[in-house]
C-alpha cells in the first residue's frame, strides 16, 4: 500500500471503531506485499454488552487492530447464547471489513468462548429458528472463516464484559493478547 492508501485505511478503521473512554490506539500494522496474513477475531457477550476484538498476524507478529463494543438494549429478552452468536457475527463482519479495507487475501480465524454459538455458526442454518438461522446465514456468506473455541480466560474480548475495573485495563489486555487454540 502507498502512504496515502495506508493513511486512508487507518482513517477508515478509526472512524468505524467505538472508543472506550475516548481512548483510541493507533498502531502501525506493518503489512508487506509478500507477507502472509491471518486475521483473528475474538468475541464475547454479557447480558449488557457485546465485544469484538480484531488482530492481524502479518507473519512478523500479532498486531492489535481494533476493539469494538455494542451495548445490548435494556429491554432485550435474548438469551446469552443468542447474544454470543450475535457478537460472533459482529466480530466476523468487522474482521471481513478490515480484510476488504486492507485489500488482503487471507483467512479469518474467529474465536469465541461460546461452544453453542460456534456450533450454530458451523451448522445448517435451516435447522434453527428464524433469529438463529438469519445470523448463521449472514456469517456463512463470508468466505474463509474458521471457528475455534477459546476459554474465557484466554479470550481478550472477555475483559470488557466484566467489571469496570477490568475495562480500565482493556488497551493493555488487547494489545498484549495472543490467540491460543484450546
C-alpha atoms as a PDB file:
ATOM      1  CA  UNK A   1       0.000   0.000   0.000  1.00  0.00           C
ATOM      2  CA  UNK A   2       1.157   3.533  -0.695  1.00  0.00           C
ATOM      3  CA  UNK A   3       1.447   6.018   2.183  1.00  0.00           C
ATOM      4  CA  UNK A   4      -1.774   7.733   1.116  1.00  0.00           C
ATOM      5  CA  UNK A   5      -3.634   4.412   0.905  1.00  0.00           C
ATOM      6  CA  UNK A   6      -2.305   3.432   4.329  1.00  0.00           C
ATOM      7  CA  UNK A   7      -3.482   6.724   5.840  1.00  0.00           C
ATOM      8  CA  UNK A   8      -6.923   6.271   4.249  1.00  0.00           C
ATOM      9  CA  UNK A   9      -7.212   2.727   5.636  1.00  0.00           C
ATOM     10  CA  UNK A  10      -6.213   3.889   9.128  1.00  0.00           C
ATOM     11  CA  UNK A  11      -8.704   6.778   8.997  1.00  0.00           C
ATOM     12  CA  UNK A  12     -11.493   4.452   7.859  1.00  0.00           C
ATOM     13  CA  UNK A  13     -10.692   1.973  10.643  1.00  0.00           C
ATOM     14  CA  UNK A  14     -10.614   4.769  13.223  1.00  0.00           C
ATOM     15  CA  UNK A  15     -13.964   6.123  12.062  1.00  0.00           C
ATOM     16  CA  UNK A  16     -15.595   2.687  12.352  1.00  0.00           C
ATOM     17  CA  UNK A  17     -14.208   1.987  15.849  1.00  0.00           C
ATOM     18  CA  UNK A  18     -16.017   2.892  19.045  1.00  0.00           C
ATOM     19  CA  UNK A  19     -13.585   4.355  21.545  1.00  0.00           C
ATOM     20  CA  UNK A  20     -13.777   3.064  25.106  1.00  0.00           C
ATOM     21  CA  UNK A  21     -13.468   6.010  27.497  1.00  0.00           C
ATOM     22  CA  UNK A  22     -12.486   8.147  24.475  1.00  0.00           C
ATOM     23  CA  UNK A  23      -9.213   6.241  24.042  1.00  0.00           C
ATOM     24  CA  UNK A  24      -8.083   5.465  20.524  1.00  0.00           C
ATOM     25  CA  UNK A  25      -4.974   3.440  19.858  1.00  0.00           C
ATOM     26  CA  UNK A  26      -3.227   3.730  16.527  1.00  0.00           C
ATOM     27  CA  UNK A  27      -0.574   1.178  15.707  1.00  0.00           C
ATOM     28  CA  UNK A  28       1.380   0.575  12.536  1.00  0.00           C
ATOM     29  CA  UNK A  29       0.329  -2.865  11.316  1.00  0.00           C
ATOM     30  CA  UNK A  30       3.325  -3.408   9.035  1.00  0.00           C
ATOM     31  CA  UNK A  31       1.774  -5.191   6.070  1.00  0.00           C
ATOM     32  CA  UNK A  32       4.072  -6.047   3.205  1.00  0.00           C
ATOM     33  CA  UNK A  33       3.191  -7.373  -0.210  1.00  0.00           C
ATOM     34  CA  UNK A  34       4.997 -10.670   0.275  1.00  0.00           C
ATOM     35  CA  UNK A  35       3.871 -11.403   3.843  1.00  0.00           C
ATOM     36  CA  UNK A  36       1.215 -13.999   4.653  1.00  0.00           C
ATOM     37  CA  UNK A  37      -1.522 -12.523   6.814  1.00  0.00           C
ATOM     38  CA  UNK A  38      -4.217 -14.041   9.006  1.00  0.00           C
ATOM     39  CA  UNK A  39      -6.953 -12.059  10.741  1.00  0.00           C
ATOM     40  CA  UNK A  40      -8.066 -13.171  14.196  1.00  0.00           C
ATOM     41  CA  UNK A  41     -11.435 -12.138  15.613  1.00  0.00           C
ATOM     42  CA  UNK A  42     -12.485 -12.626  19.216  1.00  0.00           C
ATOM     43  CA  UNK A  43     -15.988 -12.097  20.540  1.00  0.00           C
ATOM     44  CA  UNK A  44     -17.839 -12.276  23.826  1.00  0.00           C
ATOM     45  CA  UNK A  45     -21.109 -11.110  25.296  1.00  0.00           C
ATOM     46  CA  UNK A  46     -22.787 -10.499  28.592  1.00  0.00           C
ATOM     47  CA  UNK A  47     -26.410  -9.508  29.122  1.00  0.00           C
ATOM     48  CA  UNK A  48     -25.274  -5.852  28.911  1.00  0.00           C
ATOM     49  CA  UNK A  49     -22.526  -5.654  26.271  1.00  0.00           C
ATOM     50  CA  UNK A  50     -21.164  -7.420  23.176  1.00  0.00           C
ATOM     51  CA  UNK A  51     -17.437  -7.166  22.457  1.00  0.00           C
ATOM     52  CA  UNK A  52     -15.336  -7.747  19.355  1.00  0.00           C
ATOM     53  CA  UNK A  53     -11.514  -7.606  19.201  1.00  0.00           C
ATOM     54  CA  UNK A  54      -9.554  -7.957  15.958  1.00  0.00           C
ATOM     55  CA  UNK A  55      -5.875  -8.784  15.435  1.00  0.00           C
ATOM     56  CA  UNK A  56      -3.796  -9.390  12.334  1.00  0.00           C
ATOM     57  CA  UNK A  57      -0.789 -11.658  12.051  1.00  0.00           C
ATOM     58  CA  UNK A  58       1.489 -10.175   9.423  1.00  0.00           C
ATOM     59  CA  UNK A  59       3.995 -13.002   9.614  1.00  0.00           C
ATOM     60  CA  UNK A  60       6.085 -10.632  11.699  1.00  0.00           C
ATOM     61  CA  UNK A  61       3.968 -10.932  14.832  1.00  0.00           C
ATOM     62  CA  UNK A  62       0.457 -10.341  16.027  1.00  0.00           C
ATOM     63  CA  UNK A  63      -0.870  -6.753  15.868  1.00  0.00           C
ATOM     64  CA  UNK A  64      -3.923  -5.313  17.589  1.00  0.00           C
ATOM     65  CA  UNK A  65      -6.213  -3.692  15.002  1.00  0.00           C
ATOM     66  CA  UNK A  66      -9.433  -2.684  16.737  1.00  0.00           C
ATOM     67  CA  UNK A  67     -11.648  -3.372  19.725  1.00  0.00           C
ATOM     68  CA  UNK A  68     -15.322  -2.539  19.488  1.00  0.00           C
ATOM     69  CA  UNK A  69     -18.299  -2.783  21.828  1.00  0.00           C
ATOM     70  CA  UNK A  70     -22.055  -2.784  21.324  1.00  0.00           C
ATOM     71  CA  UNK A  71     -24.500  -2.154  24.126  1.00  0.00           C
ATOM     72  CA  UNK A  72     -27.298  -4.714  24.460  1.00  0.00           C
ATOM     73  CA  UNK A  73     -30.660  -2.891  24.552  1.00  0.00           C
ATOM     74  CA  UNK A  74     -32.072  -2.626  28.077  1.00  0.00           C
ATOM     75  CA  UNK A  75     -35.325  -4.269  27.024  1.00  0.00           C
ATOM     76  CA  UNK A  76     -33.581  -7.181  25.284  1.00  0.00           C
ATOM     77  CA  UNK A  77     -35.030 -10.583  26.064  1.00  0.00           C
ATOM     78  CA  UNK A  78     -32.343 -12.500  24.172  1.00  0.00           C
ATOM     79  CA  UNK A  79     -30.637 -15.402  25.899  1.00  0.00           C
ATOM     80  CA  UNK A  80     -26.891 -15.317  26.496  1.00  0.00           C
ATOM     81  CA  UNK A  81     -26.174 -17.925  23.764  1.00  0.00           C
ATOM     82  CA  UNK A  82     -28.078 -15.759  21.252  1.00  0.00           C
ATOM     83  CA  UNK A  83     -26.124 -12.685  22.344  1.00  0.00           C
ATOM     84  CA  UNK A  84     -22.891 -14.680  21.979  1.00  0.00           C
ATOM     85  CA  UNK A  85     -23.938 -15.633  18.441  1.00  0.00           C
ATOM     86  CA  UNK A  86     -24.724 -12.004  17.627  1.00  0.00           C
ATOM     87  CA  UNK A  87     -21.310 -10.931  18.972  1.00  0.00           C
ATOM     88  CA  UNK A  88     -19.683 -13.644  16.830  1.00  0.00           C
ATOM     89  CA  UNK A  89     -21.491 -12.312  13.749  1.00  0.00           C
ATOM     90  CA  UNK A  90     -20.403  -8.731  14.520  1.00  0.00           C
ATOM     91  CA  UNK A  91     -16.786  -9.851  15.026  1.00  0.00           C
ATOM     92  CA  UNK A  92     -16.627 -11.806  11.758  1.00  0.00           C
ATOM     93  CA  UNK A  93     -18.246  -8.939   9.831  1.00  0.00           C
ATOM     94  CA  UNK A  94     -15.758  -6.488  11.361  1.00  0.00           C
ATOM     95  CA  UNK A  95     -12.838  -8.793  10.500  1.00  0.00           C
ATOM     96  CA  UNK A  96     -14.149  -9.125   6.950  1.00  0.00           C
ATOM     97  CA  UNK A  97     -14.477  -5.333   6.675  1.00  0.00           C
ATOM     98  CA  UNK A  98     -10.849  -4.963   7.745  1.00  0.00           C
ATOM     99  CA  UNK A  99      -9.785  -7.644   5.262  1.00  0.00           C
ATOM    100  CA  UNK A 100     -11.579  -5.753   2.482  1.00  0.00           C
ATOM    101  CA  UNK A 101     -10.255  -2.333   3.567  1.00  0.00           C
ATOM    102  CA  UNK A 102      -6.686  -3.619   3.613  1.00  0.00           C
ATOM    103  CA  UNK A 103      -7.327  -5.451   0.342  1.00  0.00           C
ATOM    104  CA  UNK A 104      -5.639  -8.629   1.536  1.00  0.00           C
ATOM    105  CA  UNK A 105      -6.412 -12.222   0.660  1.00  0.00           C
ATOM    106  CA  UNK A 106      -6.338 -14.072   3.970  1.00  0.00           C
ATOM    107  CA  UNK A 107      -8.229 -16.362   6.312  1.00  0.00           C
ATOM    108  CA  UNK A 108     -10.247 -15.174   9.298  1.00  0.00           C
ATOM    109  CA  UNK A 109      -9.816 -17.235  12.440  1.00  0.00           C
ATOM    110  CA  UNK A 110     -12.797 -16.499  14.656  1.00  0.00           C
ATOM    111  CA  UNK A 111     -12.634 -17.300  18.376  1.00  0.00           C
ATOM    112  CA  UNK A 112     -15.450 -17.430  20.908  1.00  0.00           C
ATOM    113  CA  UNK A 113     -15.815 -18.858  24.380  1.00  0.00           C
ATOM    114  CA  UNK A 114     -19.354 -19.984  23.500  1.00  0.00           C
ATOM    115  CA  UNK A 115     -19.448 -23.535  22.191  1.00  0.00           C
ATOM    116  CA  UNK A 116     -23.166 -23.084  21.444  1.00  0.00           C
ATOM    117  CA  UNK A 117     -22.559 -20.047  19.204  1.00  0.00           C
ATOM    118  CA  UNK A 118     -19.763 -21.875  17.369  1.00  0.00           C
ATOM    119  CA  UNK A 119     -21.989 -24.924  16.929  1.00  0.00           C
ATOM    120  CA  UNK A 120     -24.753 -22.780  15.436  1.00  0.00           C
ATOM    121  CA  UNK A 121     -22.316 -20.890  13.175  1.00  0.00           C
ATOM    122  CA  UNK A 122     -20.924 -24.095  11.691  1.00  0.00           C
ATOM    123  CA  UNK A 123     -24.224 -25.914  11.140  1.00  0.00           C
ATOM    124  CA  UNK A 124     -27.018 -25.851   8.594  1.00  0.00           C
ATOM    125  CA  UNK A 125     -28.945 -22.596   9.192  1.00  0.00           C
ATOM    126  CA  UNK A 126     -32.268 -24.201   8.241  1.00  0.00           C
ATOM    127  CA  UNK A 127     -32.197 -26.342  11.397  1.00  0.00           C
ATOM    128  CA  UNK A 128     -32.819 -23.348  13.646  1.00  0.00           C
ATOM    129  CA  UNK A 129     -35.493 -20.776  14.442  1.00  0.00           C
ATOM    130  CA  UNK A 130     -35.536 -17.619  12.325  1.00  0.00           C
ATOM    131  CA  UNK A 131     -33.353 -15.475  14.657  1.00  0.00           C
ATOM    132  CA  UNK A 132     -30.513 -18.012  14.717  1.00  0.00           C
ATOM    133  CA  UNK A 133     -30.976 -19.030  11.089  1.00  0.00           C
ATOM    134  CA  UNK A 134     -30.654 -15.425   9.870  1.00  0.00           C
ATOM    135  CA  UNK A 135     -27.413 -14.849  11.779  1.00  0.00           C
ATOM    136  CA  UNK A 136     -25.916 -18.187  10.751  1.00  0.00           C
ATOM    137  CA  UNK A 137     -26.768 -17.423   7.115  1.00  0.00           C
ATOM    138  CA  UNK A 138     -25.089 -13.991   7.450  1.00  0.00           C
ATOM    139  CA  UNK A 139     -21.915 -15.455   8.910  1.00  0.00           C
ATOM    140  CA  UNK A 140     -21.703 -18.328   6.425  1.00  0.00           C
ATOM    141  CA  UNK A 141     -21.844 -15.925   3.468  1.00  0.00           C
ATOM    142  CA  UNK A 142     -18.406 -14.641   4.431  1.00  0.00           C
ATOM    143  CA  UNK A 143     -15.668 -16.727   2.844  1.00  0.00           C
ATOM    144  CA  UNK A 144     -12.636 -18.280   4.501  1.00  0.00           C
ATOM    145  CA  UNK A 145     -13.806 -18.043   8.113  1.00  0.00           C
ATOM    146  CA  UNK A 146     -12.758 -20.762  10.535  1.00  0.00           C
ATOM    147  CA  UNK A 147     -14.293 -21.026  14.001  1.00  0.00           C
ATOM    148  CA  UNK A 148     -12.447 -22.007  17.176  1.00  0.00           C
ATOM    149  CA  UNK A 149     -13.272 -22.270  20.842  1.00  0.00           C
ATOM    150  CA  UNK A 150     -11.145 -20.336  23.312  1.00  0.00           C
ATOM    151  CA  UNK A 151     -11.573 -20.340  27.087  1.00  0.00           C
ATOM    152  CA  UNK A 152     -12.906 -17.156  28.643  1.00  0.00           C
ATOM    153  CA  UNK A 153      -9.607 -16.695  30.469  1.00  0.00           C
ATOM    154  CA  UNK A 154      -7.729 -16.549  27.140  1.00  0.00           C
ATOM    155  CA  UNK A 155     -10.348 -14.523  25.257  1.00  0.00           C
ATOM    156  CA  UNK A 156      -9.253 -10.862  25.053  1.00  0.00           C
ATOM    157  CA  UNK A 157     -12.881  -9.812  24.439  1.00  0.00           C
ATOM    158  CA  UNK A 158     -13.886 -11.275  27.808  1.00  0.00           C
ATOM    159  CA  UNK A 159     -12.403  -8.427  29.899  1.00  0.00           C
ATOM    160  CA  UNK A 160     -14.843  -5.857  28.501  1.00  0.00           C
ATOM    161  CA  UNK A 161     -17.831  -7.942  29.644  1.00  0.00           C
ATOM    162  CA  UNK A 162     -16.618  -7.827  33.235  1.00  0.00           C
ATOM    163  CA  UNK A 163     -16.493  -5.073  35.856  1.00  0.00           C
ATOM    164  CA  UNK A 164     -15.337  -1.524  35.167  1.00  0.00           C
ATOM    165  CA  UNK A 165     -12.058  -2.282  36.958  1.00  0.00           C
ATOM    166  CA  UNK A 166     -11.151  -4.692  34.149  1.00  0.00           C
ATOM    167  CA  UNK A 167     -12.348  -2.258  31.483  1.00  0.00           C
ATOM    168  CA  UNK A 168      -9.648   0.217  32.512  1.00  0.00           C
ATOM    169  CA  UNK A 169      -7.049  -2.386  31.547  1.00  0.00           C
ATOM    170  CA  UNK A 170      -8.589  -3.174  28.138  1.00  0.00           C
ATOM    171  CA  UNK A 171      -5.975  -1.473  25.998  1.00  0.00           C
ATOM    172  CA  UNK A 172      -3.186  -3.312  27.849  1.00  0.00           C
ATOM    173  CA  UNK A 173      -5.042  -6.639  27.636  1.00  0.00           C
ATOM    174  CA  UNK A 174      -5.967  -6.216  23.976  1.00  0.00           C
ATOM    175  CA  UNK A 175      -2.534  -5.109  22.820  1.00  0.00           C
ATOM    176  CA  UNK A 176      -0.720  -7.948  24.597  1.00  0.00           C
ATOM    177  CA  UNK A 177      -3.118 -10.829  23.936  1.00  0.00           C
ATOM    178  CA  UNK A 178      -2.120 -13.795  21.797  1.00  0.00           C
ATOM    179  CA  UNK A 179      -4.728 -16.131  20.278  1.00  0.00           C
ATOM    180  CA  UNK A 180      -4.452 -19.671  21.510  1.00  0.00           C
ATOM    181  CA  UNK A 181      -6.295 -22.788  20.450  1.00  0.00           C
ATOM    182  CA  UNK A 182      -7.646 -24.966  23.245  1.00  0.00           C
END
